[in-house]
Amino acid sequence: MALRNSVPKRLRGPIGFASIIVAILGIVVGYIFVMFGITLYFDMNALQKSAITPTESFIVIGTGLLSLLVGYVGWRGFNYFAY
C-alpha cells in the first residue's frame, strides 16, 4: 500500500487509465502473436513451405506470451490504482 499512498490522488485516475490501455493492447497484441506463431509452427499459412523454422515460430509465440504478461501487469496496475 505504500506505493498507492505515495501517488497523489489526482494522478491515480490517469495512471489507472494508462494501465487499462496497456492491458488491452498487451492482450490484443499477445493474442495475435500467439495465434500467428501457432499457425507458423503448423504451416497453416500462405507462406512458402519451410520459409519459417520451428525455432522462429517459437520466438513469435514467446513474444506473444510476453505481451500477454505485459497485459496482465497492466490489468493488475489498473486494479491497484483504480480502486
N, C-alpha and C. Protein backbone atom coordinates (compact mmCIF):
# COMPACT_ATOMS: atom_id res chain seq x y z
N MET A 1 0.80 -1.19 0.00
CA MET A 1 0.00 0.00 0.00
C MET A 1 0.85 1.26 0.00
N ALA A 2 2.12 1.12 0.19
CA ALA A 2 2.97 2.30 0.26
C ALA A 2 3.01 3.04 -1.08
N LEU A 3 3.00 2.31 -2.18
CA LEU A 3 3.04 2.95 -3.49
C LEU A 3 1.75 3.72 -3.74
N ARG A 4 0.63 3.15 -3.42
CA ARG A 4 -0.65 3.81 -3.64
C ARG A 4 -0.74 5.09 -2.80
N ASN A 5 -0.23 5.04 -1.59
CA ASN A 5 -0.29 6.21 -0.73
C ASN A 5 0.70 7.28 -1.15
N SER A 6 1.77 6.91 -1.83
CA SER A 6 2.77 7.90 -2.23
C SER A 6 2.37 8.62 -3.53
N VAL A 7 1.43 8.05 -4.28
CA VAL A 7 0.96 8.69 -5.52
C VAL A 7 -0.17 9.65 -5.15
N PRO A 8 -0.09 10.91 -5.59
CA PRO A 8 -1.17 11.86 -5.27
C PRO A 8 -2.51 11.38 -5.84
N LYS A 9 -3.59 11.74 -5.15
CA LYS A 9 -4.92 11.28 -5.55
C LYS A 9 -5.29 11.74 -6.95
N ARG A 10 -4.85 12.92 -7.37
CA ARG A 10 -5.22 13.42 -8.69
C ARG A 10 -4.51 12.67 -9.82
N LEU A 11 -3.44 11.92 -9.51
CA LEU A 11 -2.73 11.15 -10.53
C LEU A 11 -3.17 9.69 -10.58
N ARG A 12 -3.95 9.24 -9.61
CA ARG A 12 -4.36 7.83 -9.60
C ARG A 12 -5.28 7.50 -10.77
N GLY A 13 -6.15 8.40 -11.14
CA GLY A 13 -7.05 8.17 -12.27
C GLY A 13 -6.30 8.02 -13.58
N PRO A 14 -5.43 8.99 -13.93
CA PRO A 14 -4.67 8.83 -15.17
C PRO A 14 -3.76 7.61 -15.20
N ILE A 15 -3.17 7.25 -14.07
CA ILE A 15 -2.33 6.06 -14.02
C ILE A 15 -3.19 4.81 -14.23
N GLY A 16 -4.37 4.78 -13.63
CA GLY A 16 -5.28 3.66 -13.84
C GLY A 16 -5.73 3.57 -15.29
N PHE A 17 -6.00 4.72 -15.92
CA PHE A 17 -6.41 4.73 -17.32
C PHE A 17 -5.27 4.24 -18.22
N ALA A 18 -4.06 4.70 -17.96
CA ALA A 18 -2.91 4.24 -18.74
C ALA A 18 -2.68 2.74 -18.54
N SER A 19 -2.91 2.26 -17.34
CA SER A 19 -2.75 0.83 -17.08
C SER A 19 -3.76 -0.01 -17.84
N ILE A 20 -5.00 0.47 -17.95
CA ILE A 20 -6.00 -0.32 -18.69
C ILE A 20 -5.71 -0.30 -20.18
N ILE A 21 -5.15 0.80 -20.69
CA ILE A 21 -4.75 0.86 -22.10
C ILE A 21 -3.62 -0.14 -22.36
N VAL A 22 -2.64 -0.18 -21.46
CA VAL A 22 -1.54 -1.14 -21.58
C VAL A 22 -2.08 -2.57 -21.52
N ALA A 23 -3.05 -2.81 -20.64
CA ALA A 23 -3.63 -4.14 -20.52
C ALA A 23 -4.33 -4.56 -21.80
N ILE A 24 -5.15 -3.69 -22.35
CA ILE A 24 -5.88 -4.02 -23.57
C ILE A 24 -4.93 -4.25 -24.74
N LEU A 25 -3.97 -3.35 -24.91
CA LEU A 25 -3.02 -3.51 -26.01
C LEU A 25 -2.16 -4.76 -25.85
N GLY A 26 -1.73 -5.04 -24.64
CA GLY A 26 -0.92 -6.22 -24.39
C GLY A 26 -1.67 -7.51 -24.67
N ILE A 27 -2.94 -7.55 -24.28
CA ILE A 27 -3.73 -8.76 -24.51
C ILE A 27 -4.01 -8.94 -26.00
N VAL A 28 -4.36 -7.86 -26.68
CA VAL A 28 -4.67 -7.97 -28.11
C VAL A 28 -3.43 -8.35 -28.92
N VAL A 29 -2.34 -7.65 -28.69
CA VAL A 29 -1.11 -7.95 -29.43
C VAL A 29 -0.59 -9.34 -29.08
N GLY A 30 -0.67 -9.71 -27.81
CA GLY A 30 -0.22 -11.03 -27.40
C GLY A 30 -1.03 -12.14 -28.04
N TYR A 31 -2.34 -11.96 -28.10
CA TYR A 31 -3.19 -12.96 -28.73
C TYR A 31 -2.85 -13.12 -30.21
N ILE A 32 -2.64 -12.00 -30.89
CA ILE A 32 -2.30 -12.04 -32.31
C ILE A 32 -0.98 -12.77 -32.53
N PHE A 33 0.02 -12.45 -31.73
CA PHE A 33 1.33 -13.09 -31.90
C PHE A 33 1.28 -14.58 -31.58
N VAL A 34 0.57 -14.96 -30.53
CA VAL A 34 0.49 -16.37 -30.19
C VAL A 34 -0.22 -17.15 -31.30
N MET A 35 -1.33 -16.65 -31.77
CA MET A 35 -2.06 -17.35 -32.82
C MET A 35 -1.25 -17.41 -34.12
N PHE A 36 -0.57 -16.32 -34.45
CA PHE A 36 0.26 -16.30 -35.65
C PHE A 36 1.43 -17.26 -35.51
N GLY A 37 2.03 -17.32 -34.33
CA GLY A 37 3.13 -18.26 -34.09
C GLY A 37 2.69 -19.70 -34.20
N ILE A 38 1.49 -20.00 -33.72
CA ILE A 38 0.98 -21.36 -33.83
C ILE A 38 0.74 -21.72 -35.29
N THR A 39 0.18 -20.78 -36.07
CA THR A 39 -0.04 -21.08 -37.49
C THR A 39 1.29 -21.22 -38.23
N LEU A 40 2.30 -20.47 -37.82
CA LEU A 40 3.62 -20.65 -38.44
C LEU A 40 4.21 -22.01 -38.11
N TYR A 41 4.03 -22.44 -36.87
CA TYR A 41 4.62 -23.72 -36.46
C TYR A 41 3.98 -24.89 -37.21
N PHE A 42 2.69 -24.86 -37.40
CA PHE A 42 1.99 -25.96 -38.06
C PHE A 42 1.84 -25.75 -39.57
N ASP A 43 2.51 -24.77 -40.14
CA ASP A 43 2.48 -24.46 -41.57
C ASP A 43 1.05 -24.26 -42.10
N MET A 44 0.24 -23.55 -41.35
CA MET A 44 -1.13 -23.26 -41.77
C MET A 44 -1.24 -21.84 -42.31
N ASN A 45 -0.27 -21.41 -43.09
CA ASN A 45 -0.25 -20.05 -43.63
C ASN A 45 0.04 -20.11 -45.12
N ALA A 46 0.02 -18.96 -45.74
CA ALA A 46 0.22 -18.90 -47.19
C ALA A 46 1.69 -18.72 -47.57
N LEU A 47 2.58 -18.80 -46.59
CA LEU A 47 4.00 -18.66 -46.89
C LEU A 47 4.52 -19.93 -47.54
N GLN A 48 5.65 -19.79 -48.20
CA GLN A 48 6.29 -20.95 -48.81
C GLN A 48 6.65 -21.95 -47.72
N LYS A 49 6.50 -23.22 -48.02
CA LYS A 49 6.82 -24.26 -47.04
C LYS A 49 8.27 -24.13 -46.59
N SER A 50 8.49 -24.29 -45.33
CA SER A 50 9.82 -24.22 -44.71
C SER A 50 10.43 -22.83 -44.81
N ALA A 51 9.61 -21.81 -44.99
CA ALA A 51 10.14 -20.44 -45.00
C ALA A 51 10.47 -19.99 -43.58
N ILE A 52 9.73 -20.50 -42.63
CA ILE A 52 9.94 -20.18 -41.22
C ILE A 52 10.28 -21.48 -40.49
N THR A 53 11.36 -21.44 -39.75
CA THR A 53 11.75 -22.63 -39.00
C THR A 53 10.92 -22.73 -37.71
N PRO A 54 10.85 -23.91 -37.13
CA PRO A 54 10.13 -24.03 -35.85
C PRO A 54 10.71 -23.14 -34.75
N THR A 55 12.01 -22.93 -34.77
CA THR A 55 12.62 -22.05 -33.77
C THR A 55 12.11 -20.62 -33.91
N GLU A 56 11.98 -20.15 -35.13
CA GLU A 56 11.47 -18.79 -35.34
C GLU A 56 10.00 -18.69 -34.93
N SER A 57 9.24 -19.74 -35.16
CA SER A 57 7.84 -19.71 -34.73
C SER A 57 7.74 -19.70 -33.21
N PHE A 58 8.65 -20.41 -32.53
CA PHE A 58 8.65 -20.37 -31.07
C PHE A 58 9.03 -18.99 -30.55
N ILE A 59 9.86 -18.27 -31.28
CA ILE A 59 10.20 -16.90 -30.90
C ILE A 59 8.96 -16.01 -31.01
N VAL A 60 8.17 -16.21 -32.04
CA VAL A 60 6.93 -15.44 -32.20
C VAL A 60 5.95 -15.78 -31.08
N ILE A 61 5.84 -17.06 -30.76
CA ILE A 61 4.95 -17.46 -29.67
C ILE A 61 5.43 -16.89 -28.34
N GLY A 62 6.73 -16.92 -28.10
CA GLY A 62 7.29 -16.35 -26.87
C GLY A 62 7.05 -14.86 -26.76
N THR A 63 7.16 -14.15 -27.89
CA THR A 63 6.87 -12.72 -27.90
C THR A 63 5.41 -12.47 -27.56
N GLY A 64 4.53 -13.31 -28.08
CA GLY A 64 3.11 -13.20 -27.76
C GLY A 64 2.84 -13.44 -26.29
N LEU A 65 3.48 -14.46 -25.73
CA LEU A 65 3.30 -14.73 -24.31
C LEU A 65 3.84 -13.61 -23.44
N LEU A 66 4.95 -13.01 -23.86
CA LEU A 66 5.48 -11.86 -23.14
C LEU A 66 4.52 -10.68 -23.21
N SER A 67 3.90 -10.47 -24.36
CA SER A 67 2.91 -9.40 -24.49
C SER A 67 1.68 -9.67 -23.62
N LEU A 68 1.28 -10.93 -23.53
CA LEU A 68 0.17 -11.27 -22.64
C LEU A 68 0.53 -11.00 -21.18
N LEU A 69 1.78 -11.26 -20.82
CA LEU A 69 2.23 -10.96 -19.47
C LEU A 69 2.20 -9.46 -19.19
N VAL A 70 2.61 -8.66 -20.16
CA VAL A 70 2.56 -7.20 -20.01
C VAL A 70 1.10 -6.76 -19.85
N GLY A 71 0.20 -7.38 -20.61
CA GLY A 71 -1.21 -7.08 -20.47
C GLY A 71 -1.73 -7.42 -19.08
N TYR A 72 -1.29 -8.53 -18.54
CA TYR A 72 -1.70 -8.91 -17.19
C TYR A 72 -1.18 -7.92 -16.16
N VAL A 73 0.06 -7.49 -16.32
CA VAL A 73 0.62 -6.50 -15.39
C VAL A 73 -0.14 -5.18 -15.49
N GLY A 74 -0.54 -4.80 -16.71
CA GLY A 74 -1.36 -3.61 -16.87
C GLY A 74 -2.70 -3.74 -16.18
N TRP A 75 -3.30 -4.92 -16.26
CA TRP A 75 -4.57 -5.17 -15.59
C TRP A 75 -4.42 -5.08 -14.07
N ARG A 76 -3.33 -5.66 -13.57
CA ARG A 76 -3.09 -5.58 -12.12
C ARG A 76 -2.84 -4.14 -11.69
N GLY A 77 -2.14 -3.36 -12.52
CA GLY A 77 -1.94 -1.95 -12.21
C GLY A 77 -3.24 -1.18 -12.21
N PHE A 78 -4.12 -1.50 -13.13
CA PHE A 78 -5.43 -0.86 -13.17
C PHE A 78 -6.22 -1.17 -11.89
N ASN A 79 -6.22 -2.42 -11.49
CA ASN A 79 -6.94 -2.79 -10.27
C ASN A 79 -6.31 -2.16 -9.03
N TYR A 80 -5.00 -1.96 -9.06
CA TYR A 80 -4.32 -1.38 -7.91
C TYR A 80 -4.61 0.11 -7.77
N PHE A 81 -4.58 0.85 -8.89
CA PHE A 81 -4.73 2.29 -8.80
C PHE A 81 -6.17 2.78 -8.97
N ALA A 82 -7.03 1.97 -9.58
CA ALA A 82 -8.39 2.45 -9.84
C ALA A 82 -9.31 2.29 -8.62
N TYR A 83 -8.99 1.37 -7.76
CA TYR A 83 -9.90 1.13 -6.62
C TYR A 83 -9.31 1.59 -5.34
